[in-house]
Amino acid sequence: MKNTKVIPLIFGILILISCKQNVEKKAELITENPTELIAETVLDTLNADNYNVLFFHPTESEFNELLKEYGEETGLYEVDSDFGFYASKVYDSLSKTDFQVEFVTEKIIKYSTNNGTKYFDRFKNVEHPYGIIFNKVNCDPNIKFGVMADIGIFQEFNEYNKNCK
């Protein structure tokens, strides 16, 4: 009776190990440069082509890891709060228009450029876990890192749209 319970358990563990190795092989395809073209990905990916503004930020668990690494006294709580405050103000304003705006925590952000499809890997961009992607069809996206006040975000967005025709 015990053998019949052990065999499915062993089989399940072998399947999990096999799946993990496949994911690790796929992850190896991503290069060191967070915006460099990669061949294929099956990881946590968002297609930025459907959006005009994307606010990217760490997940709660990623934020907790940053706190462990850098400490609470580094101002991470303030950075996170400021980012959320200003990004929310811009989100509230732009979501009332035809612009597509979203907060994202996906690991990979896929976007189109004049030179083909590229992928931005948030995990490889450890120095800048917060930022904004301005995007428009027929124009290369503009990625800004860090926290900006709402006025600065609107200015960058207007400048991007003015230069993108």
C-alpha atoms as a PDB file:
ATOM      1  CA  MET A   1       0.000   0.000   0.000  1.00  0.00           C
ATOM      2  CA  LYS A   2       2.856   2.391   0.828  1.00  0.00           C
ATOM      3  CA  ASN A   3       4.522   1.652  -2.538  1.00  0.00           C
ATOM      4  CA  THR A   4       1.431   2.800  -4.443  1.00  0.00           C
ATOM      5  CA  LYS A   5       1.610   6.195  -2.702  1.00  0.00           C
ATOM      6  CA  VAL A   6       5.370   6.562  -3.158  1.00  0.00           C
ATOM      7  CA  ILE A   7       5.408   5.866  -6.916  1.00  0.00           C
ATOM      8  CA  PRO A   8       3.058   8.774  -7.845  1.00  0.00           C
ATOM      9  CA  LEU A   9       5.002  11.035  -5.466  1.00  0.00           C
ATOM     10  CA  ILE A  10       8.323  10.175  -7.124  1.00  0.00           C
ATOM     11  CA  PHE A  11       6.741  10.574 -10.572  1.00  0.00           C
ATOM     12  CA  GLY A  12       5.406  14.022  -9.587  1.00  0.00           C
ATOM     13  CA  ILE A  13       8.798  15.149  -8.291  1.00  0.00           C
ATOM     14  CA  LEU A  14      10.494  14.028 -11.510  1.00  0.00           C
ATOM     15  CA  ILE A  15       7.971  16.014 -13.578  1.00  0.00           C
ATOM     16  CA  LEU A  16       8.568  19.146 -11.475  1.00  0.00           C
ATOM     17  CA  ILE A  17      12.346  18.820 -11.836  1.00  0.00           C
ATOM     18  CA  SER A  18      11.986  18.330 -15.582  1.00  0.00           C
ATOM     19  CA  CYS A  19       9.732  21.406 -15.914  1.00  0.00           C
ATOM     20  CA  LYS A  20      12.106  23.502 -13.817  1.00  0.00           C
ATOM     21  CA  GLN A  21      15.031  22.558 -16.072  1.00  0.00           C
ATOM     22  CA  ASN A  22      13.032  23.589 -19.161  1.00  0.00           C
ATOM     23  CA  VAL A  23      12.222  26.987 -17.624  1.00  0.00           C
ATOM     24  CA  GLU A  24      15.878  27.464 -16.682  1.00  0.00           C
ATOM     25  CA  LYS A  25      16.920  26.689 -20.281  1.00  0.00           C
ATOM     26  CA  LYS A  26      14.461  29.260 -21.586  1.00  0.00           C
ATOM     27  CA  ALA A  27      15.706  31.830 -19.069  1.00  0.00           C
ATOM     28  CA  GLU A  28      19.266  31.321 -20.314  1.00  0.00           C
ATOM     29  CA  LEU A  29      18.198  32.764 -23.665  1.00  0.00           C
ATOM     30  CA  ILE A  30      17.842  36.194 -22.090  1.00  0.00           C
ATOM     31  CA  THR A  31      21.040  38.183 -22.400  1.00  0.00           C
ATOM     32  CA  GLU A  32      22.782  40.354 -19.802  1.00  0.00           C
ATOM     33  CA  ASN A  33      21.522  43.544 -21.476  1.00  0.00           C
ATOM     34  CA  PRO A  34      17.943  44.119 -20.214  1.00  0.00           C
ATOM     35  CA  THR A  35      16.815  45.595 -23.567  1.00  0.00           C
ATOM     36  CA  GLU A  36      18.639  43.229 -25.911  1.00  0.00           C
ATOM     37  CA  LEU A  37      16.771  41.067 -28.417  1.00  0.00           C
ATOM     38  CA  ILE A  38      16.157  37.478 -27.378  1.00  0.00           C
ATOM     39  CA  ALA A  39      15.044  34.582 -29.518  1.00  0.00           C
ATOM     40  CA  GLU A  40      12.215  33.071 -27.492  1.00  0.00           C
ATOM     41  CA  THR A  41      10.683  33.318 -24.060  1.00  0.00           C
ATOM     42  CA  VAL A  42       7.953  31.470 -22.222  1.00  0.00           C
ATOM     43  CA  LEU A  43       8.410  33.451 -19.038  1.00  0.00           C
ATOM     44  CA  ASP A  44       6.147  36.043 -17.428  1.00  0.00           C
ATOM     45  CA  THR A  45       5.785  38.405 -20.435  1.00  0.00           C
ATOM     46  CA  LEU A  46       3.645  41.441 -21.236  1.00  0.00           C
ATOM     47  CA  ASN A  47       3.281  42.841 -24.750  1.00  0.00           C
ATOM     48  CA  ALA A  48       3.837  46.604 -24.464  1.00  0.00           C
ATOM     49  CA  ASP A  49       2.526  47.214 -27.981  1.00  0.00           C
ATOM     50  CA  ASN A  50      -1.008  47.342 -26.549  1.00  0.00           C
ATOM     51  CA  TYR A  51      -0.199  50.250 -24.209  1.00  0.00           C
ATOM     52  CA  ASN A  52       0.873  53.902 -24.420  1.00  0.00           C
ATOM     53  CA  VAL A  53       2.251  54.178 -20.886  1.00  0.00           C
ATOM     54  CA  LEU A  54       3.491  51.349 -18.666  1.00  0.00           C
ATOM     55  CA  PHE A  55       4.576  51.932 -15.092  1.00  0.00           C
ATOM     56  CA  PHE A  56       6.836  49.081 -14.002  1.00  0.00           C
ATOM     57  CA  HIS A  57       7.713  48.398 -10.390  1.00  0.00           C
ATOM     58  CA  PRO A  58       8.721  45.535  -8.102  1.00  0.00           C
ATOM     59  CA  THR A  59       6.180  43.043  -6.831  1.00  0.00           C
ATOM     60  CA  GLU A  60       5.669  42.871  -3.072  1.00  0.00           C
ATOM     61  CA  SER A  61       8.082  39.945  -2.745  1.00  0.00           C
ATOM     62  CA  GLU A  62      10.680  41.725  -4.940  1.00  0.00           C
ATOM     63  CA  PHE A  63      10.303  44.841  -2.771  1.00  0.00           C
ATOM     64  CA  ASN A  64      10.859  42.762   0.369  1.00  0.00           C
ATOM     65  CA  GLU A  65      14.011  41.303  -1.201  1.00  0.00           C
ATOM     66  CA  LEU A  66      15.246  44.830  -1.945  1.00  0.00           C
ATOM     67  CA  LEU A  67      14.610  45.764   1.685  1.00  0.00           C
ATOM     68  CA  LYS A  68      16.621  42.760   2.858  1.00  0.00           C
ATOM     69  CA  GLU A  69      19.473  43.621   0.513  1.00  0.00           C
ATOM     70  CA  TYR A  70      19.668  47.400   1.030  1.00  0.00           C
ATOM     71  CA  GLY A  71      17.962  47.918   4.391  1.00  0.00           C
ATOM     72  CA  GLU A  72      15.009  50.024   5.481  1.00  0.00           C
ATOM     73  CA  GLU A  73      17.127  53.107   6.120  1.00  0.00           C
ATOM     74  CA  THR A  74      17.953  53.495   2.398  1.00  0.00           C
ATOM     75  CA  GLY A  75      14.648  55.219   1.654  1.00  0.00           C
ATOM     76  CA  LEU A  76      13.009  52.386  -0.295  1.00  0.00           C
ATOM     77  CA  TYR A  77       9.669  52.962   1.406  1.00  0.00           C
ATOM     78  CA  GLU A  78       9.742  56.608   0.341  1.00  0.00           C
ATOM     79  CA  VAL A  79      10.751  55.709  -3.234  1.00  0.00           C
ATOM     80  CA  ASP A  80       7.960  53.147  -3.471  1.00  0.00           C
ATOM     81  CA  SER A  81       5.425  55.553  -1.996  1.00  0.00           C
ATOM     82  CA  ASP A  82       6.464  58.443  -4.268  1.00  0.00           C
ATOM     83  CA  PHE A  83       6.373  56.219  -7.343  1.00  0.00           C
ATOM     84  CA  GLY A  84       2.902  54.950  -6.483  1.00  0.00           C
ATOM     85  CA  PHE A  85       1.592  58.425  -5.672  1.00  0.00           C
ATOM     86  CA  TYR A  86       2.809  60.193  -8.839  1.00  0.00           C
ATOM     87  CA  ALA A  87       2.171  57.259 -11.161  1.00  0.00           C
ATOM     88  CA  SER A  88      -1.382  56.952  -9.816  1.00  0.00           C
ATOM     89  CA  LYS A  89      -2.064  60.630 -10.487  1.00  0.00           C
ATOM     90  CA  VAL A  90      -0.905  60.215 -14.097  1.00  0.00           C
ATOM     91  CA  TYR A  91      -2.790  56.927 -14.436  1.00  0.00           C
ATOM     92  CA  ASP A  92      -6.010  58.532 -13.179  1.00  0.00           C
ATOM     93  CA  SER A  93      -5.691  61.389 -15.689  1.00  0.00           C
ATOM     94  CA  LEU A  94      -4.644  59.379 -18.736  1.00  0.00           C
ATOM     95  CA  SER A  95      -7.090  56.522 -18.163  1.00  0.00           C
ATOM     96  CA  LYS A  96      -9.926  59.001 -18.806  1.00  0.00           C
ATOM     97  CA  THR A  97      -8.585  59.467 -22.346  1.00  0.00           C
ATOM     98  CA  ASP A  98      -7.992  57.102 -25.271  1.00  0.00           C
ATOM     99  CA  PHE A  99      -4.479  56.328 -24.011  1.00  0.00           C
ATOM    100  CA  GLN A 100      -3.866  52.825 -22.683  1.00  0.00           C
ATOM    101  CA  VAL A 101      -2.112  53.009 -19.299  1.00  0.00           C
ATOM    102  CA  GLU A 102      -1.175  50.182 -16.948  1.00  0.00           C
ATOM    103  CA  PHE A 103       0.876  49.266 -13.878  1.00  0.00           C
ATOM    104  CA  VAL A 104       2.914  46.133 -14.559  1.00  0.00           C
ATOM    105  CA  THR A 105       5.029  43.705 -12.590  1.00  0.00           C
ATOM    106  CA  GLU A 106       5.666  41.162 -15.338  1.00  0.00           C
ATOM    107  CA  LYS A 107       9.240  39.948 -15.519  1.00  0.00           C
ATOM    108  CA  ILE A 108       9.593  40.480 -19.280  1.00  0.00           C
ATOM    109  CA  ILE A 109       8.151  43.382 -21.259  1.00  0.00           C
ATOM    110  CA  LYS A 110       8.052  42.744 -25.001  1.00  0.00           C
ATOM    111  CA  TYR A 111       7.985  45.724 -27.355  1.00  0.00           C
ATOM    112  CA  SER A 112       8.352  46.490 -31.037  1.00  0.00           C
ATOM    113  CA  THR A 113      10.977  48.803 -32.471  1.00  0.00           C
ATOM    114  CA  ASN A 114      11.952  49.864 -35.956  1.00  0.00           C
ATOM    115  CA  ASN A 115      14.670  47.191 -35.711  1.00  0.00           C
ATOM    116  CA  GLY A 116      12.366  44.356 -34.669  1.00  0.00           C
ATOM    117  CA  THR A 117      10.967  42.942 -31.446  1.00  0.00           C
ATOM    118  CA  LYS A 118      12.910  43.447 -28.224  1.00  0.00           C
ATOM    119  CA  TYR A 119      12.460  42.349 -24.652  1.00  0.00           C
ATOM    120  CA  PHE A 120      13.070  44.299 -21.470  1.00  0.00           C
ATOM    121  CA  ASP A 121      13.926  42.050 -18.519  1.00  0.00           C
ATOM    122  CA  ARG A 122      13.075  43.820 -15.266  1.00  0.00           C
ATOM    123  CA  PHE A 123      15.140  41.318 -13.239  1.00  0.00           C
ATOM    124  CA  LYS A 124      18.317  42.179 -15.150  1.00  0.00           C
ATOM    125  CA  ASN A 125      17.741  45.842 -14.428  1.00  0.00           C
ATOM    126  CA  VAL A 126      18.435  45.622 -10.690  1.00  0.00           C
ATOM    127  CA  GLU A 127      19.679  49.206 -10.330  1.00  0.00           C
ATOM    128  CA  HIS A 128      16.368  50.653 -11.530  1.00  0.00           C
ATOM    129  CA  PRO A 129      13.374  48.618 -10.340  1.00  0.00           C
ATOM    130  CA  TYR A 130      10.983  51.541 -10.989  1.00  0.00           C
ATOM    131  CA  GLY A 131      10.273  53.224 -14.285  1.00  0.00           C
ATOM    132  CA  ILE A 132       8.005  54.138 -17.155  1.00  0.00           C
ATOM    133  CA  ILE A 133       7.751  53.002 -20.753  1.00  0.00           C
ATOM    134  CA  PHE A 134       6.236  55.452 -23.216  1.00  0.00           C
ATOM    135  CA  ASN A 135       5.041  53.627 -26.296  1.00  0.00           C
ATOM    136  CA  LYS A 136       3.300  54.395 -29.559  1.00  0.00           C
ATOM    137  CA  VAL A 137       2.744  52.431 -32.761  1.00  0.00           C
ATOM    138  CA  ASN A 138       5.391  53.152 -35.417  1.00  0.00           C
ATOM    139  CA  CYS A 139       7.824  54.664 -32.887  1.00  0.00           C
ATOM    140  CA  ASP A 140      10.512  53.157 -30.714  1.00  0.00           C
ATOM    141  CA  PRO A 141       9.466  53.084 -27.063  1.00  0.00           C
ATOM    142  CA  ASN A 142      11.156  55.386 -24.574  1.00  0.00           C
ATOM    143  CA  ILE A 143      12.130  53.781 -21.258  1.00  0.00           C
ATOM    144  CA  LYS A 144      12.696  56.084 -18.288  1.00  0.00           C
ATOM    145  CA  PHE A 145      14.109  54.727 -15.032  1.00  0.00           C
ATOM    146  CA  GLY A 146      13.438  55.941 -11.519  1.00  0.00           C
ATOM    147  CA  VAL A 147      10.718  58.054  -9.957  1.00  0.00           C
ATOM    148  CA  MET A 148       9.380  61.242 -11.516  1.00  0.00           C
ATOM    149  CA  ALA A 149       6.777  63.693 -10.269  1.00  0.00           C
ATOM    150  CA  ASP A 150       3.507  63.761 -12.183  1.00  0.00           C
ATOM    151  CA  ILE A 151       4.450  67.027 -13.934  1.00  0.00           C
ATOM    152  CA  GLY A 152       7.699  65.441 -15.147  1.00  0.00           C
ATOM    153  CA  ILE A 153       5.858  62.361 -16.391  1.00  0.00           C
ATOM    154  CA  PHE A 154       3.367  64.484 -18.328  1.00  0.00           C
ATOM    155  CA  GLN A 155       6.208  66.554 -19.819  1.00  0.00           C
ATOM    156  CA  GLU A 156       8.105  63.427 -20.914  1.00  0.00           C
ATOM    157  CA  PHE A 157       4.915  61.913 -22.340  1.00  0.00           C
ATOM    158  CA  ASN A 158       4.054  65.074 -24.280  1.00  0.00           C
ATOM    159  CA  GLU A 159       7.624  65.355 -25.610  1.00  0.00           C
ATOM    160  CA  TYR A 160       7.568  61.690 -26.654  1.00  0.00           C
ATOM    161  CA  ASN A 161       4.247  62.087 -28.487  1.00  0.00           C
ATOM    162  CA  LYS A 162       5.396  65.331 -30.132  1.00  0.00           C
ATOM    163  CA  ASN A 163       8.566  63.683 -31.474  1.00  0.00           C
ATOM    164  CA  CYS A 164       6.817  60.468 -32.509  1.00  0.00           C
ATOM    165  CA  LYS A 165       4.906  60.942 -35.718  1.00  0.00           C
END
